[in-house]
C-alpha atoms as a PDB file:
ATOM      1  CA  MET A   1       0.000   0.000   0.000  1.00  0.00           C
ATOM      2  CA  LYS A   2       1.077   3.576  -0.636  1.00  0.00           C
ATOM      3  CA  ARG A   3      -0.001   6.738   1.072  1.00  0.00           C
ATOM      4  CA  LEU A   4      -0.998   9.957  -0.704  1.00  0.00           C
ATOM      5  CA  ARG A   5      -1.125  13.081   1.512  1.00  0.00           C
ATOM      6  CA  MET A   6      -3.474  15.861   0.196  1.00  0.00           C
ATOM      7  CA  ALA A   7      -4.749  18.931   2.091  1.00  0.00           C
ATOM      8  CA  ASN A   8      -3.525  17.516   5.425  1.00  0.00           C
ATOM      9  CA  ARG A   9      -5.723  14.458   4.928  1.00  0.00           C
ATOM     10  CA  GLU A  10      -4.415  10.951   4.464  1.00  0.00           C
ATOM     11  CA  PHE A  11      -5.792   8.558   1.836  1.00  0.00           C
ATOM     12  CA  ARG A  12      -4.867   4.914   1.494  1.00  0.00           C
ATOM     13  CA  ILE A  13      -4.873   3.801  -2.170  1.00  0.00           C
ATOM     14  CA  GLY A  14      -4.353   0.277  -3.450  1.00  0.00           C
ATOM     15  CA  THR A  15      -1.753  -0.417  -6.148  1.00  0.00           C
ATOM     16  CA  THR A  16      -4.437  -1.108  -8.805  1.00  0.00           C
ATOM     17  CA  ALA A  17      -6.336   2.061  -7.939  1.00  0.00           C
ATOM     18  CA  LEU A  18      -3.115   4.065  -8.056  1.00  0.00           C
ATOM     19  CA  PHE A  19      -2.394   2.738 -11.545  1.00  0.00           C
ATOM     20  CA  ILE A  20      -5.864   3.714 -12.768  1.00  0.00           C
ATOM     21  CA  LEU A  21      -5.452   7.189 -11.272  1.00  0.00           C
ATOM     22  CA  ALA A  22      -2.079   7.615 -12.964  1.00  0.00           C
ATOM     23  CA  LEU A  23      -3.509   6.501 -16.318  1.00  0.00           C
ATOM     24  CA  ALA A  24      -6.380   8.960 -16.035  1.00  0.00           C
ATOM     25  CA  LEU A  25      -4.000  11.799 -15.195  1.00  0.00           C
ATOM     26  CA  ALA A  26      -1.832  10.863 -18.168  1.00  0.00           C
ATOM     27  CA  LEU A  27      -4.815  11.010 -20.510  1.00  0.00           C
ATOM     28  CA  LEU A  28      -5.794  14.397 -19.133  1.00  0.00           C
ATOM     29  CA  ALA A  29      -2.264  15.631 -19.711  1.00  0.00           C
ATOM     30  CA  VAL A  30      -2.610  14.965 -23.469  1.00  0.00           C
ATOM     31  CA  PRO A  31      -5.086  17.526 -24.891  1.00  0.00           C
ATOM     32  CA  GLY A  32      -7.833  15.980 -27.018  1.00  0.00           C
ATOM     33  CA  ALA A  33      -6.675  12.377 -26.594  1.00  0.00           C
ATOM     34  CA  ALA A  34     -10.187  10.971 -26.915  1.00  0.00           C
ATOM     35  CA  GLU A  35     -10.994  13.368 -29.746  1.00  0.00           C
ATOM     36  CA  ALA A  36      -7.820  12.447 -31.608  1.00  0.00           C
ATOM     37  CA  GLN A  37      -8.767   8.787 -31.484  1.00  0.00           C
ATOM     38  CA  GLN A  38     -12.226   9.553 -32.902  1.00  0.00           C
ATOM     39  CA  ALA A  39     -10.765  11.889 -35.512  1.00  0.00           C
ATOM     40  CA  GLY A  40      -8.616   9.039 -36.778  1.00  0.00           C
ATOM     41  CA  LYS A  41     -11.701   7.120 -37.942  1.00  0.00           C
ATOM     42  CA  MET A  42     -12.435   7.033 -41.672  1.00  0.00           C
ATOM     43  CA  TYR A  43     -16.207   7.348 -42.111  1.00  0.00           C
ATOM     44  CA  ARG A  44     -17.766   5.705 -45.174  1.00  0.00           C
ATOM     45  CA  ILE A  45     -20.768   7.353 -46.816  1.00  0.00           C
ATOM     46  CA  ALA A  46     -22.783   5.540 -49.495  1.00  0.00           C
ATOM     47  CA  TYR A  47     -24.831   7.529 -52.013  1.00  0.00           C
ATOM     48  CA  LEU A  48     -27.593   5.116 -53.018  1.00  0.00           C
ATOM     49  CA  THR A  49     -29.247   6.049 -56.305  1.00  0.00           C
ATOM     50  CA  VAL A  50     -30.912   4.911 -59.505  1.00  0.00           C
ATOM     51  CA  PRO A  51     -30.128   4.775 -62.414  1.00  0.00           C
ATOM     52  CA  THR A  52     -26.425   3.963 -62.682  1.00  0.00           C
ATOM     53  CA  ARG A  53     -25.719   7.348 -64.279  1.00  0.00           C
ATOM     54  CA  PRO A  54     -27.101   9.921 -61.828  1.00  0.00           C
ATOM     55  CA  PRO A  55     -28.673  12.926 -63.596  1.00  0.00           C
ATOM     56  CA  ALA A  56     -26.745  16.190 -63.787  1.00  0.00           C
ATOM     57  CA  VAL A  57     -28.883  17.757 -61.056  1.00  0.00           C
ATOM     58  CA  SER A  58     -27.930  14.942 -58.662  1.00  0.00           C
ATOM     59  CA  LEU A  59     -24.241  15.097 -59.557  1.00  0.00           C
ATOM     60  CA  ALA A  60     -24.228  18.870 -59.062  1.00  0.00           C
ATOM     61  CA  GLY A  61     -26.015  18.354 -55.760  1.00  0.00           C
ATOM     62  CA  LEU A  62     -23.510  15.705 -54.694  1.00  0.00           C
ATOM     63  CA  GLU A  63     -20.655  18.121 -55.405  1.00  0.00           C
ATOM     64  CA  ALA A  64     -22.390  20.801 -53.311  1.00  0.00           C
ATOM     65  CA  PHE A  65     -22.808  18.177 -50.569  1.00  0.00           C
ATOM     66  CA  ARG A  66     -19.080  17.419 -50.721  1.00  0.00           C
ATOM     67  CA  GLN A  67     -18.143  21.108 -50.609  1.00  0.00           C
ATOM     68  CA  VAL A  68     -20.199  21.825 -47.509  1.00  0.00           C
ATOM     69  CA  LEU A  69     -18.777  18.748 -45.801  1.00  0.00           C
ATOM     70  CA  ARG A  70     -15.280  20.019 -46.585  1.00  0.00           C
ATOM     71  CA  ASP A  71     -16.167  23.372 -45.066  1.00  0.00           C
ATOM     72  CA  LEU A  72     -17.340  21.531 -41.956  1.00  0.00           C
ATOM     73  CA  GLY A  73     -14.097  19.585 -41.672  1.00  0.00           C
ATOM     74  CA  CYS A  74     -15.250  16.314 -43.263  1.00  0.00           C
ATOM     75  CA  ILE A  75     -12.627  15.871 -45.972  1.00  0.00           C
ATOM     76  CA  GLU A  76     -12.563  12.996 -48.455  1.00  0.00           C
ATOM     77  CA  GLY A  77      -9.459  10.883 -48.137  1.00  0.00           C
ATOM     78  CA  LYS A  78      -8.748  12.283 -44.680  1.00  0.00           C
ATOM     79  CA  ASN A  79     -11.713  11.359 -42.528  1.00  0.00           C
ATOM     80  CA  ILE A  80     -14.531  10.432 -44.947  1.00  0.00           C
ATOM     81  CA  VAL A  81     -15.031   8.395 -48.106  1.00  0.00           C
ATOM     82  CA  ILE A  82     -18.072   8.870 -50.371  1.00  0.00           C
ATOM     83  CA  GLU A  83     -19.003   6.035 -52.734  1.00  0.00           C
ATOM     84  CA  ILE A  84     -21.824   5.984 -55.302  1.00  0.00           C
ATOM     85  CA  ARG A  85     -23.811   2.751 -55.197  1.00  0.00           C
ATOM     86  CA  SER A  86     -26.420   2.433 -57.926  1.00  0.00           C
ATOM     87  CA  THR A  87     -28.401   0.196 -60.224  1.00  0.00           C
ATOM     88  CA  GLU A  88     -30.180   0.745 -63.506  1.00  0.00           C
ATOM     89  CA  LEU A  89     -33.492  -0.702 -62.308  1.00  0.00           C
ATOM     90  CA  GLU A  90     -35.466   0.308 -59.241  1.00  0.00           C
ATOM     91  CA  LYS A  91     -36.394  -3.316 -58.515  1.00  0.00           C
ATOM     92  CA  ASP A  92     -32.718  -4.090 -57.851  1.00  0.00           C
ATOM     93  CA  LEU A  93     -32.286  -1.351 -55.234  1.00  0.00           C
ATOM     94  CA  PRO A  94     -33.028  -3.592 -52.207  1.00  0.00           C
ATOM     95  CA  GLU A  95     -30.089  -5.854 -53.074  1.00  0.00           C
ATOM     96  CA  VAL A  96     -27.771  -2.876 -53.609  1.00  0.00           C
ATOM     97  CA  ALA A  97     -28.889  -1.467 -50.254  1.00  0.00           C
ATOM     98  CA  ALA A  98     -28.306  -4.848 -48.596  1.00  0.00           C
ATOM     99  CA  GLN A  99     -24.764  -4.885 -49.984  1.00  0.00           C
ATOM    100  CA  VAL A 100     -24.137  -1.424 -48.549  1.00  0.00           C
ATOM    101  CA  VAL A 101     -25.237  -2.733 -45.165  1.00  0.00           C
ATOM    102  CA  ARG A 102     -23.026  -5.809 -45.462  1.00  0.00           C
ATOM    103  CA  GLU A 103     -20.062  -3.540 -46.173  1.00  0.00           C
ATOM    104  CA  LYS A 104     -20.827  -1.648 -42.953  1.00  0.00           C
ATOM    105  CA  PHE A 105     -21.038   1.903 -44.269  1.00  0.00           C
ATOM    106  CA  ASP A 106     -21.451   4.536 -41.563  1.00  0.00           C
ATOM    107  CA  LEU A 107     -24.072   6.633 -43.388  1.00  0.00           C
ATOM    108  CA  ILE A 108     -26.382   6.282 -46.395  1.00  0.00           C
ATOM    109  CA  VAL A 109     -27.467   9.319 -48.451  1.00  0.00           C
ATOM    110  CA  THR A 110     -30.386   9.095 -50.892  1.00  0.00           C
ATOM    111  CA  THR A 111     -32.497  11.145 -53.266  1.00  0.00           C
ATOM    112  CA  ASN A 112     -36.047  10.170 -54.138  1.00  0.00           C
ATOM    113  CA  ASN A 113     -38.217   7.917 -51.986  1.00  0.00           C
ATOM    114  CA  THR A 114     -37.413   4.616 -53.672  1.00  0.00           C
ATOM    115  CA  PRO A 115     -33.710   4.452 -52.695  1.00  0.00           C
ATOM    116  CA  ALA A 116     -34.584   5.706 -49.216  1.00  0.00           C
ATOM    117  CA  LEU A 117     -37.187   2.967 -48.777  1.00  0.00           C
ATOM    118  CA  ALA A 118     -34.705   0.358 -50.018  1.00  0.00           C
ATOM    119  CA  ALA A 119     -32.128   1.593 -47.511  1.00  0.00           C
ATOM    120  CA  LYS A 120     -34.637   1.647 -44.671  1.00  0.00           C
ATOM    121  CA  GLY A 121     -35.712  -1.875 -45.545  1.00  0.00           C
ATOM    122  CA  ALA A 122     -32.106  -3.049 -45.365  1.00  0.00           C
ATOM    123  CA  THR A 123     -31.106  -1.501 -42.023  1.00  0.00           C
ATOM    124  CA  THR A 124     -32.563  -0.056 -38.850  1.00  0.00           C
ATOM    125  CA  THR A 125     -29.191   0.996 -37.442  1.00  0.00           C
ATOM    126  CA  ILE A 126     -27.169   2.743 -40.171  1.00  0.00           C
ATOM    127  CA  PRO A 127     -28.308   6.403 -40.375  1.00  0.00           C
ATOM    128  CA  ILE A 128     -30.026   7.461 -43.616  1.00  0.00           C
ATOM    129  CA  VAL A 129     -30.099  11.083 -44.808  1.00  0.00           C
ATOM    130  CA  MET A 130     -32.616  11.972 -47.519  1.00  0.00           C
ATOM    131  CA  ALA A 131     -31.153  14.791 -49.581  1.00  0.00           C
ATOM    132  CA  VAL A 132     -34.510  14.886 -51.376  1.00  0.00           C
ATOM    133  CA  SER A 133     -37.764  13.069 -50.641  1.00  0.00           C
ATOM    134  CA  ILE A 134     -41.455  13.451 -51.412  1.00  0.00           C
ATOM    135  CA  ASP A 135     -43.958  13.083 -48.568  1.00  0.00           C
ATOM    136  CA  PRO A 136     -41.709  10.925 -46.343  1.00  0.00           C
ATOM    137  CA  VAL A 137     -44.526  10.554 -43.794  1.00  0.00           C
ATOM    138  CA  GLY A 138     -47.070   9.221 -46.287  1.00  0.00           C
ATOM    139  CA  GLY A 139     -44.325   7.176 -47.909  1.00  0.00           C
ATOM    140  CA  GLY A 140     -43.538   5.378 -44.666  1.00  0.00           C
ATOM    141  CA  LEU A 141     -40.032   6.750 -44.266  1.00  0.00           C
ATOM    142  CA  VAL A 142     -40.526   8.725 -41.032  1.00  0.00           C
ATOM    143  CA  ASP A 143     -43.129   8.921 -38.284  1.00  0.00           C
ATOM    144  CA  SER A 144     -43.519  12.687 -38.642  1.00  0.00           C
ATOM    145  CA  LEU A 145     -41.497  15.651 -39.879  1.00  0.00           C
ATOM    146  CA  ALA A 146     -40.913  17.002 -36.380  1.00  0.00           C
ATOM    147  CA  HIS A 147     -40.141  13.607 -34.852  1.00  0.00           C
ATOM    148  CA  PRO A 148     -38.877  11.269 -37.569  1.00  0.00           C
ATOM    149  CA  GLY A 149     -38.104   8.350 -35.249  1.00  0.00           C
ATOM    150  CA  GLY A 150     -35.953   5.459 -36.417  1.00  0.00           C
ATOM    151  CA  ASN A 151     -32.808   5.947 -38.479  1.00  0.00           C
ATOM    152  CA  VAL A 152     -34.091   8.200 -41.305  1.00  0.00           C
ATOM    153  CA  THR A 153     -34.121  12.001 -41.545  1.00  0.00           C
ATOM    154  CA  GLY A 154     -33.251  14.731 -44.039  1.00  0.00           C
ATOM    155  CA  LEU A 155     -35.230  16.949 -46.375  1.00  0.00           C
ATOM    156  CA  THR A 156     -38.552  16.767 -48.163  1.00  0.00           C
ATOM    157  CA  LEU A 157     -40.119  18.563 -51.096  1.00  0.00           C
ATOM    158  CA  MET A 158     -43.427  20.323 -50.544  1.00  0.00           C
ATOM    159  CA  ALA A 159     -44.776  18.292 -53.442  1.00  0.00           C
ATOM    160  CA  GLY A 160     -48.480  19.000 -53.055  1.00  0.00           C
ATOM    161  CA  GLU A 161     -48.279  22.781 -53.070  1.00  0.00           C
ATOM    162  CA  VAL A 162     -45.647  22.828 -55.820  1.00  0.00           C
ATOM    163  CA  THR A 163     -47.614  20.436 -58.035  1.00  0.00           C
ATOM    164  CA  GLY A 164     -50.658  22.685 -57.977  1.00  0.00           C
ATOM    165  CA  LYS A 165     -48.552  25.759 -58.680  1.00  0.00           C
ATOM    166  CA  ARG A 166     -47.257  24.186 -61.895  1.00  0.00           C
ATOM    167  CA  ILE A 167     -50.822  23.885 -63.226  1.00  0.00           C
ATOM    168  CA  GLU A 168     -51.377  27.552 -62.404  1.00  0.00           C
ATOM    169  CA  LEU A 169     -48.222  28.520 -64.306  1.00  0.00           C
ATOM    170  CA  LEU A 170     -49.374  26.630 -67.389  1.00  0.00           C
ATOM    171  CA  ARG A 171     -52.715  28.429 -67.225  1.00  0.00           C
ATOM    172  CA  GLU A 172     -50.894  31.787 -67.120  1.00  0.00           C
ATOM    173  CA  ILE A 173     -48.705  31.201 -70.155  1.00  0.00           C
ATOM    174  CA  VAL A 174     -51.021  29.154 -72.419  1.00  0.00           C
ATOM    175  CA  PRO A 175     -54.065  31.181 -73.548  1.00  0.00           C
ATOM    176  CA  GLY A 176     -57.341  29.255 -73.387  1.00  0.00           C
ATOM    177  CA  LEU A 177     -55.780  26.138 -71.849  1.00  0.00           C
ATOM    178  CA  ARG A 178     -58.523  23.550 -71.349  1.00  0.00           C
ATOM    179  CA  ARG A 179     -56.783  20.180 -70.864  1.00  0.00           C
ATOM    180  CA  VAL A 180     -53.492  19.194 -69.224  1.00  0.00           C
ATOM    181  CA  ALA A 181     -51.854  15.759 -69.106  1.00  0.00           C
ATOM    182  CA  ALA A 182     -50.148  14.719 -65.850  1.00  0.00           C
ATOM    183  CA  VAL A 183     -47.196  12.525 -66.841  1.00  0.00           C
ATOM    184  CA  TYR A 184     -45.862   9.898 -64.450  1.00  0.00           C
ATOM    185  CA  ASN A 185     -44.103   6.538 -64.580  1.00  0.00           C
ATOM    186  CA  PRO A 186     -46.559   3.593 -64.665  1.00  0.00           C
ATOM    187  CA  ILE A 187     -44.397   1.461 -62.359  1.00  0.00           C
ATOM    188  CA  ALA A 188     -44.869   4.145 -59.690  1.00  0.00           C
ATOM    189  CA  ARG A 189     -48.645   4.528 -60.065  1.00  0.00           C
ATOM    190  CA  THR A 190     -49.327   3.264 -56.528  1.00  0.00           C
ATOM    191  CA  TYR A 191     -46.503   5.159 -54.834  1.00  0.00           C
ATOM    192  CA  PRO A 192     -47.787   7.753 -52.305  1.00  0.00           C
ATOM    193  CA  GLN A 193     -45.864  10.527 -54.073  1.00  0.00           C
ATOM    194  CA  THR A 194     -47.503   9.628 -57.403  1.00  0.00           C
ATOM    195  CA  VAL A 195     -50.959   9.539 -55.857  1.00  0.00           C
ATOM    196  CA  ASP A 196     -50.258  12.936 -54.284  1.00  0.00           C
ATOM    197  CA  PHE A 197     -48.989  14.330 -57.607  1.00  0.00           C
ATOM    198  CA  VAL A 198     -52.124  13.240 -59.453  1.00  0.00           C
ATOM    199  CA  THR A 199     -54.512  14.257 -56.664  1.00  0.00           C
ATOM    200  CA  GLN A 200     -53.046  17.741 -56.283  1.00  0.00           C
ATOM    201  CA  SER A 201     -52.870  18.262 -60.046  1.00  0.00           C
ATOM    202  CA  GLU A 202     -56.528  17.282 -60.400  1.00  0.00           C
ATOM    203  CA  ALA A 203     -57.634  19.527 -57.525  1.00  0.00           C
ATOM    204  CA  THR A 204     -55.891  22.597 -58.930  1.00  0.00           C
ATOM    205  CA  ALA A 205     -57.006  21.895 -62.482  1.00  0.00           C
ATOM    206  CA  ARG A 206     -60.610  21.500 -61.350  1.00  0.00           C
ATOM    207  CA  ALA A 207     -60.481  24.817 -59.482  1.00  0.00           C
ATOM    208  CA  LEU A 208     -59.190  26.517 -62.644  1.00  0.00           C
ATOM    209  CA  GLY A 209     -61.772  24.930 -64.927  1.00  0.00           C
ATOM    210  CA  ILE A 210     -59.152  22.717 -66.591  1.00  0.00           C
ATOM    211  CA  ARG A 211     -59.573  19.014 -67.263  1.00  0.00           C
ATOM    212  CA  LEU A 212     -56.658  16.843 -66.126  1.00  0.00           C
ATOM    213  CA  GLN A 213     -55.814  13.691 -68.032  1.00  0.00           C
ATOM    214  CA  ARG A 214     -53.568  11.026 -66.500  1.00  0.00           C
ATOM    215  CA  ALA A 215     -50.710   9.925 -68.745  1.00  0.00           C
ATOM    216  CA  GLU A 216     -48.735   6.857 -67.687  1.00  0.00           C
ATOM    217  CA  LEU A 217     -45.608   7.091 -69.819  1.00  0.00           C
ATOM    218  CA  ASP A 218     -42.514   4.989 -69.262  1.00  0.00           C
ATOM    219  CA  PRO A 219     -39.550   7.416 -69.404  1.00  0.00           C
ATOM    220  CA  LEU A 220     -37.337   4.671 -70.843  1.00  0.00           C
ATOM    221  CA  MET A 221     -39.545   3.765 -73.799  1.00  0.00           C
ATOM    222  CA  GLY A 222     -38.071   4.535 -77.202  1.00  0.00           C
ATOM    223  CA  ALA A 223     -38.417   7.782 -79.148  1.00  0.00           C
ATOM    224  CA  ASP A 224     -41.010   6.314 -81.527  1.00  0.00           C
ATOM    225  CA  ARG A 225     -43.284   5.250 -78.678  1.00  0.00           C
ATOM    226  CA  TRP A 226     -42.896   8.622 -76.985  1.00  0.00           C
ATOM    227  CA  ASP A 227     -43.794  10.359 -80.221  1.00  0.00           C
ATOM    228  CA  ALA A 228     -46.888   8.185 -80.690  1.00  0.00           C
ATOM    229  CA  ALA A 229     -47.999   8.694 -77.074  1.00  0.00           C
ATOM    230  CA  VAL A 230     -47.598  12.472 -77.168  1.00  0.00           C
ATOM    231  CA  ALA A 231     -49.285  12.663 -80.580  1.00  0.00           C
ATOM    232  CA  ALA A 232     -52.273  10.799 -79.108  1.00  0.00           C
ATOM    233  CA  LEU A 233     -52.450  13.255 -76.214  1.00  0.00           C
ATOM    234  CA  LYS A 234     -52.398  16.182 -78.620  1.00  0.00           C
ATOM    235  CA  LYS A 235     -55.097  14.605 -80.760  1.00  0.00           C
ATOM    236  CA  GLY A 236     -57.223  14.161 -77.635  1.00  0.00           C
ATOM    237  CA  GLY A 237     -57.164  17.886 -76.944  1.00  0.00           C
ATOM    238  CA  VAL A 238     -54.279  18.137 -74.460  1.00  0.00           C
ATOM    239  CA  GLY A 239     -52.571  21.536 -74.595  1.00  0.00           C
ATOM    240  CA  ALA A 240     -49.800  21.066 -72.045  1.00  0.00           C
ATOM    241  CA  LEU A 241     -47.877  18.484 -70.014  1.00  0.00           C
ATOM    242  CA  THR A 242     -46.942  18.578 -66.330  1.00  0.00           C
ATOM    243  CA  VAL A 243     -44.215  16.028 -65.616  1.00  0.00           C
ATOM    244  CA  MET A 244     -43.685  14.436 -62.221  1.00  0.00           C
ATOM    245  CA  GLU A 245     -40.419  14.381 -60.266  1.00  0.00           C
ATOM    246  CA  GLY A 246     -38.135  11.437 -60.941  1.00  0.00           C
ATOM    247  CA  PRO A 247     -34.534  10.780 -62.031  1.00  0.00           C
ATOM    248  CA  LEU A 248     -35.544   8.916 -65.189  1.00  0.00           C
ATOM    249  CA  PHE A 249     -37.610  11.862 -66.385  1.00  0.00           C
ATOM    250  CA  ILE A 250     -34.515  14.034 -65.904  1.00  0.00           C
ATOM    251  CA  HIS A 251     -32.443  11.656 -68.035  1.00  0.00           C
ATOM    252  CA  GLN A 252     -35.059  11.648 -70.772  1.00  0.00           C
ATOM    253  CA  ALA A 253     -35.747  15.396 -70.606  1.00  0.00           C
ATOM    254  CA  PRO A 254     -34.254  16.182 -74.059  1.00  0.00           C
ATOM    255  CA  GLN A 255     -36.465  13.548 -75.693  1.00  0.00           C
ATOM    256  CA  ILE A 256     -39.580  14.584 -73.773  1.00  0.00           C
ATOM    257  CA  ALA A 257     -39.035  18.291 -74.457  1.00  0.00           C
ATOM    258  CA  ALA A 258     -38.296  17.747 -78.155  1.00  0.00           C
ATOM    259  CA  THR A 259     -41.356  15.537 -78.638  1.00  0.00           C
ATOM    260  CA  ALA A 260     -43.624  18.009 -76.834  1.00  0.00           C
ATOM    261  CA  LEU A 261     -42.267  20.862 -78.938  1.00  0.00           C
ATOM    262  CA  LYS A 262     -42.789  18.859 -82.133  1.00  0.00           C
ATOM    263  CA  HIS A 263     -46.467  18.494 -81.224  1.00  0.00           C
ATOM    264  CA  ARG A 264     -46.659  22.083 -79.947  1.00  0.00           C
ATOM    265  CA  LEU A 265     -47.386  21.233 -76.330  1.00  0.00           C
ATOM    266  CA  ALA A 266     -46.247  23.427 -73.452  1.00  0.00           C
ATOM    267  CA  THR A 267     -44.388  21.638 -70.652  1.00  0.00           C
ATOM    268  CA  VAL A 268     -43.691  22.288 -66.995  1.00  0.00           C
ATOM    269  CA  PHE A 269     -41.090  20.261 -65.094  1.00  0.00           C
ATOM    270  CA  PRO A 270     -39.662  20.139 -61.559  1.00  0.00           C
ATOM    271  CA  TYR A 271     -36.002  20.817 -62.397  1.00  0.00           C
ATOM    272  CA  ARG A 272     -33.858  23.452 -64.077  1.00  0.00           C
ATOM    273  CA  GLU A 273     -32.009  20.860 -66.159  1.00  0.00           C
ATOM    274  CA  GLN A 274     -35.258  19.928 -67.884  1.00  0.00           C
ATOM    275  CA  VAL A 275     -35.784  23.531 -68.981  1.00  0.00           C
ATOM    276  CA  GLU A 276     -32.192  23.747 -70.187  1.00  0.00           C
ATOM    277  CA  ALA A 277     -32.951  20.611 -72.235  1.00  0.00           C
ATOM    278  CA  GLY A 278     -35.786  22.432 -74.031  1.00  0.00           C
ATOM    279  CA  GLY A 279     -38.741  22.290 -71.666  1.00  0.00           C
ATOM    280  CA  LEU A 280     -40.876  25.420 -71.390  1.00  0.00           C
ATOM    281  CA  MET A 281     -40.855  25.938 -67.612  1.00  0.00           C
ATOM    282  CA  SER A 282     -39.725  24.448 -64.333  1.00  0.00           C
ATOM    283  CA  TYR A 283     -40.911  25.194 -60.826  1.00  0.00           C
ATOM    284  CA  GLY A 284     -39.564  23.478 -57.749  1.00  0.00           C
ATOM    285  CA  ALA A 285     -37.310  23.570 -54.752  1.00  0.00           C
ATOM    286  CA  ASN A 286     -33.731  24.724 -55.168  1.00  0.00           C
ATOM    287  CA  MET A 287     -32.019  21.324 -55.346  1.00  0.00           C
ATOM    288  CA  ILE A 288     -28.501  22.565 -54.668  1.00  0.00           C
ATOM    289  CA  GLY A 289     -29.738  24.200 -51.488  1.00  0.00           C
ATOM    290  CA  MET A 290     -31.320  20.929 -50.355  1.00  0.00           C
ATOM    291  CA  TRP A 291     -28.083  19.014 -50.917  1.00  0.00           C
ATOM    292  CA  GLN A 292     -26.188  21.662 -48.971  1.00  0.00           C
ATOM    293  CA  ARG A 293     -28.555  21.262 -46.035  1.00  0.00           C
ATOM    294  CA  ALA A 294     -28.193  17.476 -46.304  1.00  0.00           C
ATOM    295  CA  ALA A 295     -24.461  17.905 -45.690  1.00  0.00           C
ATOM    296  CA  HIS A 296     -25.234  19.560 -42.358  1.00  0.00           C
ATOM    297  CA  PHE A 297     -27.420  16.584 -41.421  1.00  0.00           C
ATOM    298  CA  ALA A 298     -24.593  14.199 -42.361  1.00  0.00           C
ATOM    299  CA  ASP A 299     -22.037  16.173 -40.369  1.00  0.00           C
ATOM    300  CA  ARG A 300     -24.161  16.217 -37.231  1.00  0.00           C
ATOM    301  CA  ILE A 301     -24.900  12.509 -37.467  1.00  0.00           C
ATOM    302  CA  LEU A 302     -21.228  11.619 -37.942  1.00  0.00           C
ATOM    303  CA  ARG A 303     -20.502  13.686 -34.837  1.00  0.00           C
ATOM    304  CA  GLY A 304     -22.948  11.610 -32.823  1.00  0.00           C
ATOM    305  CA  THR A 305     -26.437  13.101 -33.197  1.00  0.00           C
ATOM    306  CA  LYS A 306     -29.153  10.495 -33.691  1.00  0.00           C
ATOM    307  CA  PRO A 307     -31.284  10.803 -36.875  1.00  0.00           C
ATOM    308  CA  ALA A 308     -34.412  10.546 -34.718  1.00  0.00           C
ATOM    309  CA  ASP A 309     -33.393  13.810 -33.016  1.00  0.00           C
ATOM    310  CA  LEU A 310     -33.111  15.771 -36.285  1.00  0.00           C
ATOM    311  CA  PRO A 311     -36.488  17.007 -37.628  1.00  0.00           C
ATOM    312  CA  VAL A 312     -37.070  16.637 -41.363  1.00  0.00           C
ATOM    313  CA  GLU A 313     -36.732  20.024 -43.067  1.00  0.00           C
ATOM    314  CA  GLN A 314     -38.758  21.533 -45.895  1.00  0.00           C
ATOM    315  CA  PRO A 315     -37.227  23.801 -48.560  1.00  0.00           C
ATOM    316  CA  THR A 316     -37.443  27.551 -48.154  1.00  0.00           C
ATOM    317  CA  LYS A 317     -36.554  28.587 -51.718  1.00  0.00           C
ATOM    318  CA  PHE A 318     -38.372  27.674 -54.930  1.00  0.00           C
ATOM    319  CA  ASP A 319     -37.121  28.498 -58.406  1.00  0.00           C
ATOM    320  CA  LEU A 320     -39.157  29.418 -61.488  1.00  0.00           C
ATOM    321  CA  LEU A 321     -37.326  29.137 -64.800  1.00  0.00           C
ATOM    322  CA  ILE A 322     -38.691  29.796 -68.288  1.00  0.00           C
ATOM    323  CA  ASN A 323     -37.111  28.872 -71.595  1.00  0.00           C
ATOM    324  CA  GLY A 324     -37.638  31.928 -73.792  1.00  0.00           C
ATOM    325  CA  LYS A 325     -36.550  30.117 -76.946  1.00  0.00           C
ATOM    326  CA  THR A 326     -39.087  27.333 -76.391  1.00  0.00           C
ATOM    327  CA  ALA A 327     -41.828  29.858 -75.657  1.00  0.00           C
ATOM    328  CA  LYS A 328     -41.085  31.603 -78.943  1.00  0.00           C
ATOM    329  CA  ALA A 329     -41.071  28.304 -80.855  1.00  0.00           C
ATOM    330  CA  LEU A 330     -44.497  27.504 -79.401  1.00  0.00           C
ATOM    331  CA  GLY A 331     -45.783  30.947 -80.352  1.00  0.00           C
ATOM    332  CA  LEU A 332     -46.303  31.879 -76.700  1.00  0.00           C
ATOM    333  CA  THR A 333     -45.781  35.317 -75.179  1.00  0.00           C
ATOM    334  CA  ILE A 334     -44.445  35.316 -71.629  1.00  0.00           C
ATOM    335  CA  PRO A 335     -46.784  37.571 -69.621  1.00  0.00           C
ATOM    336  CA  PRO A 336     -44.907  40.510 -68.034  1.00  0.00           C
ATOM    337  CA  ALA A 337     -46.028  39.526 -64.517  1.00  0.00           C
ATOM    338  CA  LEU A 338     -44.725  35.992 -65.045  1.00  0.00           C
ATOM    339  CA  ARG A 339     -41.447  37.254 -66.466  1.00  0.00           C
ATOM    340  CA  ILE A 340     -40.946  39.439 -63.397  1.00  0.00           C
ATOM    341  CA  ARG A 341     -41.583  36.512 -61.038  1.00  0.00           C
ATOM    342  CA  ALA A 342     -39.214  34.203 -62.880  1.00  0.00           C
ATOM    343  CA  ASP A 343     -35.812  33.621 -61.296  1.00  0.00           C
ATOM    344  CA  GLU A 344     -34.410  33.322 -64.811  1.00  0.00           C
ATOM    345  CA  VAL A 345     -35.585  33.402 -68.424  1.00  0.00           C
ATOM    346  CA  ILE A 346     -33.227  31.238 -70.438  1.00  0.00           C
ATOM    347  CA  GLN A 347     -32.621  32.502 -73.973  1.00  0.00           C
END
């Protein structure tokens, strides 16, 4: 036994206890010892997506995600690794997600509900950050926006309100518009986000005295089939198309826009890239901003915050873009009030 005299009081300390005390004092003498050990960990982040070639909007968003992480001290090659895991077909996503889980990634990032659902189905422990989602509550991804519960959190589009606004924009720019076709992927007809898209489109159209026609069009079908389908819509009296969110519709935007223009149909899309590809208008959340916010979610989770403690956020900025060249080709005049409201008129 050894004696340690402190403040005129005598303590008797066993040899084992003295060793533990010495070890603790040694750790305290090295600033940030525990932090340094944690900082030495290489965190692996999987970006789960479909198809295998993410659209430009997603790649630009991923780069914005990386930049914000760098600003926050999460640097690729130093303390994080980001890997894209994808498949061409949505039906194969569960197996890709299962592989991500088997490889023990520390975090999964997704866009769109389908990859998020695949990830959630594969794991209840690995955190999942939705850079973009549509109605995650109705889609079964979280319990509520304020209290997501489980291992999923992130950001969601205000799909219902935005969907109705797109119908209003078409009414403003197309004189005498009487019928609009709501375009969505047939394999997603039962998805909550598709049901919401159709329901909201119909409600707004009805309020404006416009008839809405459902158009189940596979974005991957060939150019000839697209041409025939759009020609049939035109023949049936459709004057404009509103196209639902979805990565495959982004990939096929040039074909969709060109076919609509050929048959002199106005189009409204969710994303800027679709207007740059020749679509007439786009109205939706600022996607880069959503990816930037997703990086903050990722950073907090990697630092120890539980996904269940991070409320799902909604976007605060929405962008309206108009393709002036397409408007001219369709013989449409952009109303002055609409031009003023537009974030950009692409010429």
